[in-house]
Amino acid sequence: MPSFDVVSKVDKQEVDNAFQQTKKELAQRYDFKGTGTEIERNEEGIVLRSSTEDRIKAAYEVLIERGIKRKISPKVFDPGKIEPAGGSTFRQTVKLREGISTDKGREIVKIIKDRKLKVQAQIMDDQVRVTGKSRDDLQSVIAELRGRDLDIELQFVNMRD
């Protein structure tokens, strides 16, 4: 029986490349000189620091642009609130969204069931497996999910006959 998996994965190497390019650009650009704007990576994600909130927003935009050039969807980045840090500086943590949460999985399953095709969808950890008798039905499910804005980046893998 044909099947495929709906997943949300991030290419960590490409994210690291985008991070390094952003770090380099923040160090070299004229409008960031003397503002104390810096970017670093830790286990939570990417941390932006600067003397003003506007500089953090600009640095986040640079990160998004570098990610797009490396074929990373902006949906992958989950920016937190800009918070005051010590000594008149501000900080923002940008987490990476990976995997499909249970709520998003339920939403995907509901979208598939509303199509009334002869396919079954089931949530398996952080992915959704879709099985059906017809490969055409599976392809129409993929087209439907691509057409929806689910606020996460989706990939379709393990297409089997």
Protein backbone atom coordinates (compact mmCIF):
# COMPACT_ATOMS: atom_id res chain seq x y z
CA MET A 1 0.00 0.00 0.00
CA PRO A 2 1.51 3.37 -1.00
CA SER A 3 2.45 5.70 1.83
CA PHE A 4 4.56 8.74 2.71
CA ASP A 5 5.55 10.69 5.81
CA VAL A 6 4.94 14.37 6.50
CA VAL A 7 7.85 15.73 8.55
CA SER A 8 9.31 19.06 9.59
CA LYS A 9 13.10 18.89 9.68
CA VAL A 10 15.84 21.50 9.70
CA ASP A 11 19.19 21.11 7.97
CA LYS A 12 21.41 22.01 10.92
CA GLN A 13 24.48 22.51 8.73
CA GLU A 14 22.68 25.09 6.59
CA VAL A 15 21.41 26.85 9.74
CA ASP A 16 24.98 26.94 11.03
CA ASN A 17 26.17 28.38 7.70
CA ALA A 18 23.47 31.07 7.84
CA PHE A 19 24.46 31.81 11.45
CA GLN A 20 28.14 32.20 10.51
CA GLN A 21 27.30 34.47 7.56
CA THR A 22 25.07 36.61 9.81
CA LYS A 23 27.82 36.87 12.42
CA LYS A 24 30.30 37.97 9.77
CA GLU A 25 27.90 40.53 8.28
CA LEU A 26 27.07 42.03 11.70
CA ALA A 27 30.80 42.49 12.34
CA GLN A 28 31.42 44.16 8.97
CA ARG A 29 28.36 46.32 8.25
CA TYR A 30 28.68 50.04 8.87
CA ASP A 31 25.24 50.46 10.46
CA PHE A 32 26.08 47.85 13.14
CA LYS A 33 29.47 49.35 14.09
CA GLY A 34 29.58 50.55 17.68
CA THR A 35 26.10 49.29 18.56
CA GLY A 36 27.33 46.23 20.43
CA THR A 37 25.19 43.98 18.23
CA GLU A 38 26.27 40.37 18.43
CA ILE A 39 24.91 36.93 17.70
CA GLU A 40 25.75 33.64 19.40
CA ARG A 41 24.55 30.06 19.45
CA ASN A 42 23.69 28.00 22.50
CA GLU A 43 21.65 24.89 23.27
CA GLU A 44 18.37 26.86 23.21
CA GLY A 45 18.95 28.31 19.75
CA ILE A 46 20.39 31.60 18.50
CA VAL A 47 20.73 34.61 20.80
CA LEU A 48 20.80 38.18 19.45
CA ARG A 49 22.12 40.99 21.67
CA SER A 50 22.30 44.73 21.06
CA SER A 51 22.03 48.16 22.63
CA THR A 52 18.60 48.89 21.09
CA GLU A 53 15.52 46.91 20.12
CA ASP A 54 15.69 48.22 16.55
CA ARG A 55 19.21 46.82 16.09
CA ILE A 56 17.97 43.41 17.28
CA LYS A 57 15.13 43.55 14.75
CA ALA A 58 17.62 44.48 12.01
CA ALA A 59 19.97 41.65 13.05
CA TYR A 60 17.02 39.20 12.98
CA GLU A 61 16.21 40.38 9.44
CA VAL A 62 19.83 39.72 8.42
CA LEU A 63 19.53 36.19 9.89
CA ILE A 64 16.31 35.57 7.93
CA GLU A 65 17.89 36.88 4.69
CA ARG A 66 20.96 34.67 5.12
CA GLY A 67 18.68 31.70 5.84
CA ILE A 68 16.63 32.32 2.70
CA LYS A 69 19.81 32.44 0.60
CA ARG A 70 20.73 29.04 2.08
CA LYS A 71 17.24 27.66 1.26
CA ILE A 72 16.02 27.72 4.87
CA SER A 73 12.39 28.71 5.27
CA PRO A 74 11.70 31.67 7.60
CA LYS A 75 9.06 29.44 9.25
CA VAL A 76 11.92 27.48 10.84
CA PHE A 77 12.93 30.44 13.03
CA ASP A 78 10.79 31.07 16.11
CA PRO A 79 11.75 34.48 17.56
CA GLY A 80 11.08 35.06 21.24
CA LYS A 81 10.27 38.37 22.90
CA ILE A 82 12.90 41.08 22.95
CA GLU A 83 13.86 41.32 26.62
CA PRO A 84 15.98 43.85 28.48
CA ALA A 85 19.32 42.39 29.53
CA GLY A 86 21.75 43.87 32.01
CA GLY A 87 23.44 47.21 31.39
CA SER A 88 21.00 48.92 28.99
CA THR A 89 21.17 46.11 26.43
CA PHE A 90 18.48 43.91 24.94
CA ARG A 91 18.36 40.21 24.11
CA GLN A 92 16.23 37.99 21.87
CA THR A 93 16.33 34.20 21.68
CA VAL A 94 15.47 32.66 18.31
CA LYS A 95 14.57 28.98 18.59
CA LEU A 96 14.49 26.51 15.73
CA ARG A 97 11.19 24.77 15.05
CA GLU A 98 11.71 21.13 14.27
CA GLY A 99 9.21 18.30 14.26
CA ILE A 100 5.45 18.43 14.10
CA SER A 101 3.75 19.10 17.42
CA THR A 102 0.74 17.02 18.41
CA ASP A 103 -1.62 19.96 17.81
CA LYS A 104 -0.21 20.59 14.32
CA GLY A 105 -0.38 16.84 13.66
CA ARG A 106 -4.07 16.83 14.55
CA GLU A 107 -4.62 19.84 12.29
CA ILE A 108 -2.88 18.05 9.38
CA VAL A 109 -4.94 14.89 9.97
CA LYS A 110 -8.15 16.97 10.02
CA ILE A 111 -7.22 18.66 6.72
CA ILE A 112 -6.59 15.24 5.15
CA LYS A 113 -9.87 13.77 6.46
CA ASP A 114 -11.84 16.79 5.24
CA ARG A 115 -10.71 16.00 1.68
CA LYS A 116 -12.72 12.73 1.91
CA LEU A 117 -10.12 10.76 -0.04
CA LYS A 118 -9.49 7.07 0.52
CA VAL A 119 -6.40 7.68 2.66
CA GLN A 120 -5.58 7.22 6.32
CA ALA A 121 -3.40 9.58 8.33
CA GLN A 122 -1.86 8.78 11.69
CA ILE A 123 0.40 10.75 14.01
CA MET A 124 3.68 9.02 14.81
CA ASP A 125 5.85 10.96 17.30
CA ASP A 126 6.80 14.15 15.44
CA GLN A 127 5.59 13.12 11.98
CA VAL A 128 2.37 12.13 10.22
CA ARG A 129 2.17 8.97 8.09
CA VAL A 130 -0.35 8.96 5.24
CA THR A 131 -1.34 5.68 3.57
CA GLY A 132 -3.81 4.97 0.79
CA LYS A 133 -4.60 2.60 -2.07
CA SER A 134 -4.03 5.12 -4.84
CA ARG A 135 -0.82 7.04 -5.46
CA ASP A 136 -2.93 9.81 -7.05
CA ASP A 137 -4.81 10.29 -3.76
CA LEU A 138 -1.50 10.63 -1.93
CA GLN A 139 -0.28 13.21 -4.43
CA SER A 140 -3.47 15.23 -4.04
CA VAL A 141 -2.92 15.19 -0.25
CA ILE A 142 0.60 16.54 -0.79
CA ALA A 143 -0.76 19.27 -3.09
CA GLU A 144 -3.40 20.20 -0.50
CA LEU A 145 -0.86 20.44 2.35
CA ARG A 146 1.53 22.51 0.20
CA GLY A 147 -1.31 24.91 -0.58
CA ARG A 148 -2.11 25.49 3.11
CA ASP A 149 -0.25 27.88 5.39
CA LEU A 150 0.35 25.78 8.51
CA ASP A 151 3.04 28.05 9.98
CA ILE A 152 5.62 25.24 9.89
CA GLU A 153 7.91 24.02 7.12
CA LEU A 154 6.76 20.64 5.80
CA GLN A 155 8.68 18.00 3.87
CA PHE A 156 7.24 14.86 2.31
CA VAL A 157 9.56 11.86 2.60
CA ASN A 158 9.58 8.04 2.36
CA MET A 159 7.20 7.78 -0.60
CA ARG A 160 6.68 4.03 -0.94
CA ASP A 161 4.60 1.82 -3.23
